[in-house]
Amino acid sequence: MTHQEKVKGPASYFPAIEKKYGHPIEHWLDLLQQQRAMKHMEMVAWLKNEHELGHGHANALVAHFRKQEGL
């Protein structure tokens, strides 16, 4: 990707998520894999309650995860 191409969608949150919470994105995706049976907003609430993520960051991770998994 060139410096002129801007990341869009949920992945645009990833650098801020890694910086704020100190874990790579794969860490969060692995955790979400364990919660695969939950619905979208249940996953968001789980990340917020269990891991103290902000709503926007949790929603971005869940949206990316569910798209990647074909859910």
PDB file of N, CA and C in Angstrom:
ATOM      1  N   MET A   1       0.861  -1.168   0.000  1.00  0.00           N
ATOM      2  CA  MET A   1       0.000   0.000   0.000  1.00  0.00           C
ATOM      3  C   MET A   1       0.909   1.233   0.000  1.00  0.00           C
ATOM      4  N   THR A   2       0.617   2.169  -0.841  1.00  0.00           N
ATOM      5  CA  THR A   2       1.388   3.405  -0.869  1.00  0.00           C
ATOM      6  C   THR A   2       0.927   4.319   0.247  1.00  0.00           C
ATOM      7  N   HIS A   3       1.731   5.351   0.528  1.00  0.00           N
ATOM      8  CA  HIS A   3       1.361   6.280   1.594  1.00  0.00           C
ATOM      9  C   HIS A   3       0.119   7.091   1.241  1.00  0.00           C
ATOM     10  N   GLN A   4      -0.270   7.089  -0.021  1.00  0.00           N
ATOM     11  CA  GLN A   4      -1.439   7.844  -0.450  1.00  0.00           C
ATOM     12  C   GLN A   4      -2.739   7.060  -0.275  1.00  0.00           C
ATOM     13  N   GLU A   5      -2.636   5.732  -0.177  1.00  0.00           N
ATOM     14  CA  GLU A   5      -3.822   4.910   0.002  1.00  0.00           C
ATOM     15  C   GLU A   5      -4.209   4.936   1.473  1.00  0.00           C
ATOM     16  N   LYS A   6      -5.442   5.296   1.750  1.00  0.00           N
ATOM     17  CA  LYS A   6      -5.913   5.380   3.120  1.00  0.00           C
ATOM     18  C   LYS A   6      -6.747   4.143   3.457  1.00  0.00           C
ATOM     19  N   VAL A   7      -6.453   3.548   4.600  1.00  0.00           N
ATOM     20  CA  VAL A   7      -7.219   2.397   5.062  1.00  0.00           C
ATOM     21  C   VAL A   7      -8.607   2.879   5.439  1.00  0.00           C
ATOM     22  N   LYS A   8      -9.606   2.139   5.005  1.00  0.00           N
ATOM     23  CA  LYS A   8     -10.998   2.507   5.280  1.00  0.00           C
ATOM     24  C   LYS A   8     -11.689   1.407   6.060  1.00  0.00           C
ATOM     25  N   GLY A   9     -12.846   1.728   6.580  1.00  0.00           N
ATOM     26  CA  GLY A   9     -13.647   0.744   7.288  1.00  0.00           C
ATOM     27  C   GLY A   9     -13.084   0.418   8.657  1.00  0.00           C
ATOM     28  N   PRO A  10     -13.497  -0.710   9.209  1.00  0.00           N
ATOM     29  CA  PRO A  10     -13.083  -1.075  10.564  1.00  0.00           C
ATOM     30  C   PRO A  10     -11.568  -1.110  10.766  1.00  0.00           C
ATOM     31  N   ALA A  11     -10.825  -1.511   9.742  1.00  0.00           N
ATOM     32  CA  ALA A  11      -9.369  -1.603   9.884  1.00  0.00           C
ATOM     33  C   ALA A  11      -8.713  -0.249  10.136  1.00  0.00           C
ATOM     34  N   SER A  12      -9.408   0.826   9.827  1.00  0.00           N
ATOM     35  CA  SER A  12      -8.829   2.150  10.081  1.00  0.00           C
ATOM     36  C   SER A  12      -8.660   2.401  11.582  1.00  0.00           C
ATOM     37  N   TYR A  13      -9.366   1.654  12.416  1.00  0.00           N
ATOM     38  CA  TYR A  13      -9.248   1.777  13.869  1.00  0.00           C
ATOM     39  C   TYR A  13      -8.087   0.965  14.442  1.00  0.00           C
ATOM     40  N   PHE A  14      -7.545   0.040  13.683  1.00  0.00           N
ATOM     41  CA  PHE A  14      -6.580  -0.913  14.224  1.00  0.00           C
ATOM     42  C   PHE A  14      -5.338  -0.280  14.849  1.00  0.00           C
ATOM     43  N   PRO A  15      -4.691   0.694  14.223  1.00  0.00           N
ATOM     44  CA  PRO A  15      -3.513   1.293  14.884  1.00  0.00           C
ATOM     45  C   PRO A  15      -3.850   1.900  16.246  1.00  0.00           C
ATOM     46  N   ALA A  16      -4.981   2.573  16.348  1.00  0.00           N
ATOM     47  CA  ALA A  16      -5.385   3.176  17.620  1.00  0.00           C
ATOM     48  C   ALA A  16      -5.712   2.101  18.657  1.00  0.00           C
ATOM     49  N   ILE A  17      -6.334   1.014  18.233  1.00  0.00           N
ATOM     50  CA  ILE A  17      -6.673  -0.080  19.151  1.00  0.00           C
ATOM     51  C   ILE A  17      -5.392  -0.699  19.704  1.00  0.00           C
ATOM     52  N   GLU A  18      -4.438  -0.982  18.834  1.00  0.00           N
ATOM     53  CA  GLU A  18      -3.180  -1.580  19.279  1.00  0.00           C
ATOM     54  C   GLU A  18      -2.446  -0.650  20.235  1.00  0.00           C
ATOM     55  N   LYS A  19      -2.432   0.620  19.938  1.00  0.00           N
ATOM     56  CA  LYS A  19      -1.734   1.590  20.783  1.00  0.00           C
ATOM     57  C   LYS A  19      -2.415   1.739  22.145  1.00  0.00           C
ATOM     58  N   LYS A  20      -3.724   1.862  22.142  1.00  0.00           N
ATOM     59  CA  LYS A  20      -4.457   2.115  23.383  1.00  0.00           C
ATOM     60  C   LYS A  20      -4.489   0.909  24.309  1.00  0.00           C
ATOM     61  N   TYR A  21      -4.679  -0.285  23.765  1.00  0.00           N
ATOM     62  CA  TYR A  21      -4.891  -1.466  24.601  1.00  0.00           C
ATOM     63  C   TYR A  21      -3.669  -2.376  24.697  1.00  0.00           C
ATOM     64  N   GLY A  22      -2.617  -2.091  23.914  1.00  0.00           N
ATOM     65  CA  GLY A  22      -1.358  -2.803  24.055  1.00  0.00           C
ATOM     66  C   GLY A  22      -1.313  -4.232  23.546  1.00  0.00           C
ATOM     67  N   HIS A  23      -2.272  -4.594  22.710  1.00  0.00           N
ATOM     68  CA  HIS A  23      -2.286  -5.944  22.135  1.00  0.00           C
ATOM     69  C   HIS A  23      -2.432  -5.833  20.623  1.00  0.00           C
ATOM     70  N   PRO A  24      -1.820  -6.779  19.890  1.00  0.00           N
ATOM     71  CA  PRO A  24      -2.023  -6.777  18.445  1.00  0.00           C
ATOM     72  C   PRO A  24      -3.464  -7.152  18.104  1.00  0.00           C
ATOM     73  N   ILE A  25      -3.891  -6.807  16.923  1.00  0.00           N
ATOM     74  CA  ILE A  25      -5.257  -7.104  16.481  1.00  0.00           C
ATOM     75  C   ILE A  25      -5.539  -8.598  16.536  1.00  0.00           C
ATOM     76  N   GLU A  26      -4.559  -9.420  16.225  1.00  0.00           N
ATOM     77  CA  GLU A  26      -4.765 -10.875  16.268  1.00  0.00           C
ATOM     78  C   GLU A  26      -5.202 -11.350  17.653  1.00  0.00           C
ATOM     79  N   HIS A  27      -4.722 -10.698  18.703  1.00  0.00           N
ATOM     80  CA  HIS A  27      -5.141 -11.039  20.069  1.00  0.00           C
ATOM     81  C   HIS A  27      -6.656 -10.906  20.208  1.00  0.00           C
ATOM     82  N   TRP A  28      -7.180  -9.773  19.743  1.00  0.00           N
ATOM     83  CA  TRP A  28      -8.621  -9.517  19.849  1.00  0.00           C
ATOM     84  C   TRP A  28      -9.417 -10.459  18.957  1.00  0.00           C
ATOM     85  N   LEU A  29      -8.904 -10.732  17.762  1.00  0.00           N
ATOM     86  CA  LEU A  29      -9.603 -11.640  16.851  1.00  0.00           C
ATOM     87  C   LEU A  29      -9.633 -13.063  17.417  1.00  0.00           C
ATOM     88  N   ASP A  30      -8.544 -13.466  18.083  1.00  0.00           N
ATOM     89  CA  ASP A  30      -8.521 -14.784  18.730  1.00  0.00           C
ATOM     90  C   ASP A  30      -9.557 -14.862  19.841  1.00  0.00           C
ATOM     91  N   LEU A  31      -9.677 -13.784  20.629  1.00  0.00           N
ATOM     92  CA  LEU A  31     -10.689 -13.756  21.684  1.00  0.00           C
ATOM     93  C   LEU A  31     -12.095 -13.834  21.097  1.00  0.00           C
ATOM     94  N   LEU A  32     -12.314 -13.116  20.021  1.00  0.00           N
ATOM     95  CA  LEU A  32     -13.635 -13.135  19.387  1.00  0.00           C
ATOM     96  C   LEU A  32     -13.954 -14.511  18.812  1.00  0.00           C
ATOM     97  N   GLN A  33     -12.943 -15.216  18.353  1.00  0.00           N
ATOM     98  CA  GLN A  33     -13.158 -16.564  17.820  1.00  0.00           C
ATOM     99  C   GLN A  33     -13.783 -17.454  18.893  1.00  0.00           C
ATOM    100  N   GLN A  34     -13.388 -17.240  20.136  1.00  0.00           N
ATOM    101  CA  GLN A  34     -13.921 -18.026  21.248  1.00  0.00           C
ATOM    102  C   GLN A  34     -15.375 -17.651  21.561  1.00  0.00           C
ATOM    103  N   GLN A  35     -15.810 -16.493  21.074  1.00  0.00           N
ATOM    104  CA  GLN A  35     -17.171 -16.015  21.315  1.00  0.00           C
ATOM    105  C   GLN A  35     -18.009 -16.063  20.030  1.00  0.00           C
ATOM    106  N   ARG A  36     -17.598 -16.866  19.093  1.00  0.00           N
ATOM    107  CA  ARG A  36     -18.172 -16.914  17.742  1.00  0.00           C
ATOM    108  C   ARG A  36     -19.683 -17.095  17.717  1.00  0.00           C
ATOM    109  N   ALA A  37     -20.240 -17.765  18.704  1.00  0.00           N
ATOM    110  CA  ALA A  37     -21.677 -18.046  18.720  1.00  0.00           C
ATOM    111  C   ALA A  37     -22.527 -16.815  19.057  1.00  0.00           C
ATOM    112  N   MET A  38     -21.886 -15.779  19.580  1.00  0.00           N
ATOM    113  CA  MET A  38     -22.626 -14.565  19.946  1.00  0.00           C
ATOM    114  C   MET A  38     -23.025 -13.772  18.706  1.00  0.00           C
ATOM    115  N   LYS A  39     -24.070 -12.960  18.876  1.00  0.00           N
ATOM    116  CA  LYS A  39     -24.470 -12.019  17.837  1.00  0.00           C
ATOM    117  C   LYS A  39     -23.542 -10.808  17.894  1.00  0.00           C
ATOM    118  N   HIS A  40     -23.601  -9.984  16.846  1.00  0.00           N
ATOM    119  CA  HIS A  40     -22.715  -8.820  16.729  1.00  0.00           C
ATOM    120  C   HIS A  40     -22.702  -7.967  18.001  1.00  0.00           C
ATOM    121  N   MET A  41     -23.859  -7.484  18.420  1.00  0.00           N
ATOM    122  CA  MET A  41     -23.894  -6.574  19.565  1.00  0.00           C
ATOM    123  C   MET A  41     -23.573  -7.280  20.878  1.00  0.00           C
ATOM    124  N   GLU A  42     -23.788  -8.580  20.947  1.00  0.00           N
ATOM    125  CA  GLU A  42     -23.364  -9.335  22.128  1.00  0.00           C
ATOM    126  C   GLU A  42     -21.838  -9.358  22.206  1.00  0.00           C
ATOM    127  N   MET A  43     -21.194  -9.526  21.062  1.00  0.00           N
ATOM    128  CA  MET A  43     -19.727  -9.505  21.029  1.00  0.00           C
ATOM    129  C   MET A  43     -19.193  -8.127  21.428  1.00  0.00           C
ATOM    130  N   VAL A  44     -19.821  -7.086  20.915  1.00  0.00           N
ATOM    131  CA  VAL A  44     -19.412  -5.726  21.257  1.00  0.00           C
ATOM    132  C   VAL A  44     -19.540  -5.520  22.765  1.00  0.00           C
ATOM    133  N   ALA A  45     -20.668  -5.898  23.324  1.00  0.00           N
ATOM    134  CA  ALA A  45     -20.891  -5.739  24.766  1.00  0.00           C
ATOM    135  C   ALA A  45     -19.885  -6.556  25.564  1.00  0.00           C
ATOM    136  N   TRP A  46     -19.569  -7.743  25.100  1.00  0.00           N
ATOM    137  CA  TRP A  46     -18.595  -8.595  25.773  1.00  0.00           C
ATOM    138  C   TRP A  46     -17.223  -7.937  25.811  1.00  0.00           C
ATOM    139  N   LEU A  47     -16.770  -7.395  24.678  1.00  0.00           N
ATOM    140  CA  LEU A  47     -15.476  -6.708  24.642  1.00  0.00           C
ATOM    141  C   LEU A  47     -15.474  -5.496  25.574  1.00  0.00           C
ATOM    142  N   LYS A  48     -16.567  -4.764  25.586  1.00  0.00           N
ATOM    143  CA  LYS A  48     -16.670  -3.582  26.441  1.00  0.00           C
ATOM    144  C   LYS A  48     -16.660  -3.977  27.919  1.00  0.00           C
ATOM    145  N   ASN A  49     -17.432  -4.973  28.284  1.00  0.00           N
ATOM    146  CA  ASN A  49     -17.568  -5.369  29.688  1.00  0.00           C
ATOM    147  C   ASN A  49     -16.375  -6.149  30.212  1.00  0.00           C
ATOM    148  N   GLU A  50     -15.892  -7.093  29.430  1.00  0.00           N
ATOM    149  CA  GLU A  50     -14.817  -7.972  29.902  1.00  0.00           C
ATOM    150  C   GLU A  50     -13.415  -7.395  29.690  1.00  0.00           C
ATOM    151  N   HIS A  51     -13.270  -6.532  28.685  1.00  0.00           N
ATOM    152  CA  HIS A  51     -11.934  -6.045  28.329  1.00  0.00           C
ATOM    153  C   HIS A  51     -11.826  -4.523  28.316  1.00  0.00           C
ATOM    154  N   GLU A  52     -12.917  -3.849  28.692  1.00  0.00           N
ATOM    155  CA  GLU A  52     -12.951  -2.392  28.832  1.00  0.00           C
ATOM    156  C   GLU A  52     -12.576  -1.635  27.544  1.00  0.00           C
ATOM    157  N   LEU A  53     -12.963  -2.184  26.403  1.00  0.00           N
ATOM    158  CA  LEU A  53     -12.776  -1.473  25.143  1.00  0.00           C
ATOM    159  C   LEU A  53     -13.881  -0.442  24.994  1.00  0.00           C
ATOM    160  N   GLY A  54     -13.569   0.643  24.302  1.00  0.00           N
ATOM    161  CA  GLY A  54     -14.585   1.619  23.969  1.00  0.00           C
ATOM    162  C   GLY A  54     -15.528   1.044  22.920  1.00  0.00           C
ATOM    163  N   HIS A  55     -16.696   1.648  22.804  1.00  0.00           N
ATOM    164  CA  HIS A  55     -17.700   1.127  21.875  1.00  0.00           C
ATOM    165  C   HIS A  55     -17.210   1.108  20.427  1.00  0.00           C
ATOM    166  N   GLY A  56     -16.626   2.200  19.966  1.00  0.00           N
ATOM    167  CA  GLY A  56     -16.161   2.265  18.572  1.00  0.00           C
ATOM    168  C   GLY A  56     -15.096   1.233  18.265  1.00  0.00           C
ATOM    169  N   HIS A  57     -14.159   1.049  19.187  1.00  0.00           N
ATOM    170  CA  HIS A  57     -13.098   0.065  18.974  1.00  0.00           C
ATOM    171  C   HIS A  57     -13.661  -1.348  18.996  1.00  0.00           C
ATOM    172  N   ALA A  58     -14.549  -1.629  19.945  1.00  0.00           N
ATOM    173  CA  ALA A  58     -15.154  -2.963  20.014  1.00  0.00           C
ATOM    174  C   ALA A  58     -15.970  -3.250  18.758  1.00  0.00           C
ATOM    175  N   ASN A  59     -16.737  -2.283  18.317  1.00  0.00           N
ATOM    176  CA  ASN A  59     -17.569  -2.460  17.131  1.00  0.00           C
ATOM    177  C   ASN A  59     -16.710  -2.694  15.883  1.00  0.00           C
ATOM    178  N   ALA A  60     -15.615  -1.970  15.766  1.00  0.00           N
ATOM    179  CA  ALA A  60     -14.720  -2.144  14.612  1.00  0.00           C
ATOM    180  C   ALA A  60     -14.124  -3.547  14.598  1.00  0.00           C
ATOM    181  N   LEU A  61     -13.683  -4.026  15.750  1.00  0.00           N
ATOM    182  CA  LEU A  61     -13.114  -5.375  15.819  1.00  0.00           C
ATOM    183  C   LEU A  61     -14.150  -6.435  15.460  1.00  0.00           C
ATOM    184  N   VAL A  62     -15.352  -6.285  15.995  1.00  0.00           N
ATOM    185  CA  VAL A  62     -16.408  -7.269  15.729  1.00  0.00           C
ATOM    186  C   VAL A  62     -16.820  -7.238  14.254  1.00  0.00           C
ATOM    187  N   ALA A  63     -16.968  -6.054  13.693  1.00  0.00           N
ATOM    188  CA  ALA A  63     -17.347  -5.944  12.275  1.00  0.00           C
ATOM    189  C   ALA A  63     -16.300  -6.604  11.389  1.00  0.00           C
ATOM    190  N   HIS A  64     -15.027  -6.349  11.681  1.00  0.00           N
ATOM    191  CA  HIS A  64     -13.950  -6.962  10.886  1.00  0.00           C
ATOM    192  C   HIS A  64     -13.958  -8.477  11.067  1.00  0.00           C
ATOM    193  N   PHE A  65     -14.069  -8.923  12.302  1.00  0.00           N
ATOM    194  CA  PHE A  65     -14.067 -10.363  12.596  1.00  0.00           C
ATOM    195  C   PHE A  65     -15.214 -11.070  11.867  1.00  0.00           C
ATOM    196  N   ARG A  66     -16.403 -10.534  11.985  1.00  0.00           N
ATOM    197  CA  ARG A  66     -17.577 -11.190  11.387  1.00  0.00           C
ATOM    198  C   ARG A  66     -17.491 -11.205   9.860  1.00  0.00           C
ATOM    199  N   LYS A  67     -16.956 -10.150   9.265  1.00  0.00           N
ATOM    200  CA  LYS A  67     -16.787 -10.137   7.815  1.00  0.00           C
ATOM    201  C   LYS A  67     -15.759 -11.179   7.397  1.00  0.00           C
ATOM    202  N   GLN A  68     -14.666 -11.230   8.127  1.00  0.00           N
ATOM    203  CA  GLN A  68     -13.587 -12.185   7.837  1.00  0.00           C
ATOM    204  C   GLN A  68     -14.081 -13.618   7.972  1.00  0.00           C
ATOM    205  N   GLU A  69     -14.951 -13.863   8.938  1.00  0.00           N
ATOM    206  CA  GLU A  69     -15.482 -15.206   9.180  1.00  0.00           C
ATOM    207  C   GLU A  69     -16.691 -15.545   8.318  1.00  0.00           C
ATOM    208  N   GLY A  70     -17.194 -14.567   7.575  1.00  0.00           N
ATOM    209  CA  GLY A  70     -18.370 -14.807   6.742  1.00  0.00           C
ATOM    210  C   GLY A  70     -19.659 -14.920   7.527  1.00  0.00           C
ATOM    211  N   LEU A  71     -19.703 -14.243   8.663  1.00  0.00           N
ATOM    212  CA  LEU A  71     -20.896 -14.287   9.519  1.00  0.00           C
ATOM    213  C   LEU A  71     -21.847 -13.164   9.198  1.00  0.00           C
TER     214      LEU A  71
END
